[in-house]
Every structure is written in C-alpha cells, then in structure tokens.
Amino acid sequence: MTLFGLEQTQATSDDYYTPVWIFDRLGLHFDLDVCSPPAPPPWIPATRFFTMADDGLAQEWAGRVWMNPPYSRPGPWVERFMEHRNGVALVPFAKSAWFDAL
C-alpha cells in the first residue's frame, strides 16, 4: 500500500521528530528507520533509512527497526510493524483496533 505519491521536500503536520533523549535512554542501535524524514536527523541511531520517497511500507524490513510513523495514518505502519516483530515503535495513543492488537 502506497501512502505517498510525491517525495517530501518540507516538514508537514505528520513530522514529529523523536527527541534525542529517547534514543539516549533506549541505548539501542537500529538496523533500519522505516519512516525517516527526508534528511535523517543525525541523532537517530540507525544504519539505513527509508524516507517518503522510498515508501517504507513497500520495502523489505530487516533487523531491528525504529518506527515513528506518520500520525495522520499510523494503522498500516503498525500492522506492518506487528508482522515484523523486531524493534521499537513510537505511536500516538489511539482508540483504534491496531492499538489493542499492539
């Protein structure tokens, strides 16, 4: 499922960057950030990054995943994350079917 038709060139209301202190406290390195902004912030400890232009939902996920999905439609991302089962997901609290499953 493709959620994005165009490459992102500026910040949107879906862009809520994870603060560095969260990564500091997690103390983890990730193999992949599946929902990265166009220019990944230097404090995200990941080896690879999928941006909007890459369409992370259409790509193969491998290893430990970091996921801070678009807040406008996190459901498909959460479902994919649950299938992958390896990583950390930062999602908004929601009264959704996916939230109960997660």
C-alpha atoms as a PDB file:
ATOM      1  CA  MET A   1       0.000   0.000   0.000  1.00  0.00           C
ATOM      2  CA  THR A   2       1.474   3.330  -1.018  1.00  0.00           C
ATOM      3  CA  LEU A   3       0.637   6.268   1.204  1.00  0.00           C
ATOM      4  CA  PHE A   4       2.803   8.811  -0.557  1.00  0.00           C
ATOM      5  CA  GLY A   5       2.757   9.899  -4.157  1.00  0.00           C
ATOM      6  CA  LEU A   6       5.469  12.536  -4.043  1.00  0.00           C
ATOM      7  CA  GLU A   7       8.850  12.987  -2.474  1.00  0.00           C
ATOM      8  CA  GLN A   8       8.699  15.052   0.704  1.00  0.00           C
ATOM      9  CA  THR A   9      10.641  18.304   0.457  1.00  0.00           C
ATOM     10  CA  GLN A  10       9.420  20.152   3.554  1.00  0.00           C
ATOM     11  CA  ALA A  11       8.056  19.465   7.035  1.00  0.00           C
ATOM     12  CA  THR A  12       4.377  18.569   7.346  1.00  0.00           C
ATOM     13  CA  SER A  13       1.938  18.060  10.203  1.00  0.00           C
ATOM     14  CA  ASP A  14       2.990  14.376  10.146  1.00  0.00           C
ATOM     15  CA  ASP A  15       6.557  15.280  11.081  1.00  0.00           C
ATOM     16  CA  TYR A  16       7.082  14.802  14.795  1.00  0.00           C
ATOM     17  CA  TYR A  17      10.753  14.055  15.212  1.00  0.00           C
ATOM     18  CA  THR A  18      11.771  11.835  18.079  1.00  0.00           C
ATOM     19  CA  PRO A  19      13.907  13.743  20.583  1.00  0.00           C
ATOM     20  CA  VAL A  20      17.494  12.618  21.140  1.00  0.00           C
ATOM     21  CA  TRP A  21      16.848  11.815  24.829  1.00  0.00           C
ATOM     22  CA  ILE A  22      14.575   8.904  23.856  1.00  0.00           C
ATOM     23  CA  PHE A  23      17.378   7.271  21.887  1.00  0.00           C
ATOM     24  CA  ASP A  24      19.832   8.018  24.697  1.00  0.00           C
ATOM     25  CA  ARG A  25      17.602   6.211  27.187  1.00  0.00           C
ATOM     26  CA  LEU A  26      16.892   3.288  24.865  1.00  0.00           C
ATOM     27  CA  GLY A  27      20.600   2.750  24.336  1.00  0.00           C
ATOM     28  CA  LEU A  28      19.919   0.763  21.163  1.00  0.00           C
ATOM     29  CA  HIS A  29      21.185   0.813  17.608  1.00  0.00           C
ATOM     30  CA  PHE A  30      18.669   0.113  14.849  1.00  0.00           C
ATOM     31  CA  ASP A  31      19.294  -1.546  11.523  1.00  0.00           C
ATOM     32  CA  LEU A  32      16.550   0.458   9.849  1.00  0.00           C
ATOM     33  CA  ASP A  33      14.405   3.573  10.338  1.00  0.00           C
ATOM     34  CA  VAL A  34      11.326   2.812   8.216  1.00  0.00           C
ATOM     35  CA  CYS A  35       9.700   6.286   8.404  1.00  0.00           C
ATOM     36  CA  SER A  36      12.582   8.705   8.176  1.00  0.00           C
ATOM     37  CA  PRO A  37      12.294  12.386   7.281  1.00  0.00           C
ATOM     38  CA  PRO A  38      13.983  13.427   4.006  1.00  0.00           C
ATOM     39  CA  ALA A  39      17.225  14.312   5.795  1.00  0.00           C
ATOM     40  CA  PRO A  40      17.501  11.922   8.748  1.00  0.00           C
ATOM     41  CA  PRO A  41      18.340  13.734  11.994  1.00  0.00           C
ATOM     42  CA  PRO A  42      21.911  12.845  12.985  1.00  0.00           C
ATOM     43  CA  TRP A  43      20.819  11.574  16.418  1.00  0.00           C
ATOM     44  CA  ILE A  44      18.765   8.644  15.075  1.00  0.00           C
ATOM     45  CA  PRO A  45      20.980   5.588  15.671  1.00  0.00           C
ATOM     46  CA  ALA A  46      20.110   3.626  12.526  1.00  0.00           C
ATOM     47  CA  THR A  47      22.232   2.168   9.760  1.00  0.00           C
ATOM     48  CA  ARG A  48      19.647   2.565   6.965  1.00  0.00           C
ATOM     49  CA  PHE A  49      16.709   4.921   6.436  1.00  0.00           C
ATOM     50  CA  PHE A  50      13.543   4.762   4.335  1.00  0.00           C
ATOM     51  CA  THR A  51      12.074   8.171   3.514  1.00  0.00           C
ATOM     52  CA  MET A  52       8.729   9.053   1.997  1.00  0.00           C
ATOM     53  CA  ALA A  53      10.323   8.762  -1.436  1.00  0.00           C
ATOM     54  CA  ASP A  54      11.343   5.161  -0.619  1.00  0.00           C
ATOM     55  CA  ASP A  55       7.842   4.237   0.666  1.00  0.00           C
ATOM     56  CA  GLY A  56       8.844   2.170   3.680  1.00  0.00           C
ATOM     57  CA  LEU A  57       5.655   0.115   3.511  1.00  0.00           C
ATOM     58  CA  ALA A  58       6.646  -1.196   0.079  1.00  0.00           C
ATOM     59  CA  GLN A  59      10.200  -2.116   1.134  1.00  0.00           C
ATOM     60  CA  GLU A  60      11.605  -5.199   2.812  1.00  0.00           C
ATOM     61  CA  TRP A  61      12.296  -4.681   6.513  1.00  0.00           C
ATOM     62  CA  ALA A  62      15.261  -6.443   8.094  1.00  0.00           C
ATOM     63  CA  GLY A  63      16.807  -6.426  11.553  1.00  0.00           C
ATOM     64  CA  ARG A  64      15.886  -4.160  14.440  1.00  0.00           C
ATOM     65  CA  VAL A  65      13.503  -1.459  13.204  1.00  0.00           C
ATOM     66  CA  TRP A  66      12.858   2.034  14.529  1.00  0.00           C
ATOM     67  CA  MET A  67       9.412   3.332  13.601  1.00  0.00           C
ATOM     68  CA  ASN A  68       7.861   6.729  14.290  1.00  0.00           C
ATOM     69  CA  PRO A  69       5.058   6.581  11.681  1.00  0.00           C
ATOM     70  CA  PRO A  70       3.042   9.384  10.085  1.00  0.00           C
ATOM     71  CA  TYR A  71       0.489  10.424  12.684  1.00  0.00           C
ATOM     72  CA  SER A  72      -2.225  11.008  10.080  1.00  0.00           C
ATOM     73  CA  ARG A  73      -2.427   7.291   9.279  1.00  0.00           C
ATOM     74  CA  PRO A  74      -0.399   5.041  11.578  1.00  0.00           C
ATOM     75  CA  GLY A  75      -2.600   1.944  11.137  1.00  0.00           C
ATOM     76  CA  PRO A  76      -0.867   0.370   8.103  1.00  0.00           C
ATOM     77  CA  TRP A  77       2.529   1.028   9.670  1.00  0.00           C
ATOM     78  CA  VAL A  78       1.526  -0.552  12.982  1.00  0.00           C
ATOM     79  CA  GLU A  79       0.172  -3.616  11.184  1.00  0.00           C
ATOM     80  CA  ARG A  80       3.442  -3.984   9.285  1.00  0.00           C
ATOM     81  CA  PHE A  81       5.441  -3.490  12.485  1.00  0.00           C
ATOM     82  CA  MET A  82       3.468  -6.246  14.223  1.00  0.00           C
ATOM     83  CA  GLU A  83       4.253  -8.580  11.316  1.00  0.00           C
ATOM     84  CA  HIS A  84       7.963  -7.718  11.525  1.00  0.00           C
ATOM     85  CA  ARG A  85       8.136  -8.188  15.328  1.00  0.00           C
ATOM     86  CA  ASN A  86      11.593  -6.749  15.886  1.00  0.00           C
ATOM     87  CA  GLY A  87      12.171  -3.199  17.000  1.00  0.00           C
ATOM     88  CA  VAL A  88      10.650  -0.200  18.725  1.00  0.00           C
ATOM     89  CA  ALA A  89       7.579   1.715  17.572  1.00  0.00           C
ATOM     90  CA  LEU A  90       6.676   5.183  18.795  1.00  0.00           C
ATOM     91  CA  VAL A  91       2.966   5.620  18.110  1.00  0.00           C
ATOM     92  CA  PRO A  92       0.276   8.019  19.335  1.00  0.00           C
ATOM     93  CA  PHE A  93      -2.245   6.746  21.837  1.00  0.00           C
ATOM     94  CA  ALA A  94      -5.352   5.875  19.859  1.00  0.00           C
ATOM     95  CA  LYS A  95      -8.671   4.177  20.320  1.00  0.00           C
ATOM     96  CA  SER A  96      -8.152   2.020  17.283  1.00  0.00           C
ATOM     97  CA  ALA A  97      -8.231  -1.688  16.553  1.00  0.00           C
ATOM     98  CA  TRP A  98      -4.498  -1.601  15.841  1.00  0.00           C
ATOM     99  CA  PHE A  99      -3.799  -0.110  19.271  1.00  0.00           C
ATOM    100  CA  ASP A 100      -5.469  -3.013  21.065  1.00  0.00           C
ATOM    101  CA  ALA A 101      -3.602  -5.501  18.868  1.00  0.00           C
ATOM    102  CA  LEU A 102      -0.291  -3.779  19.525  1.00  0.00           C
END
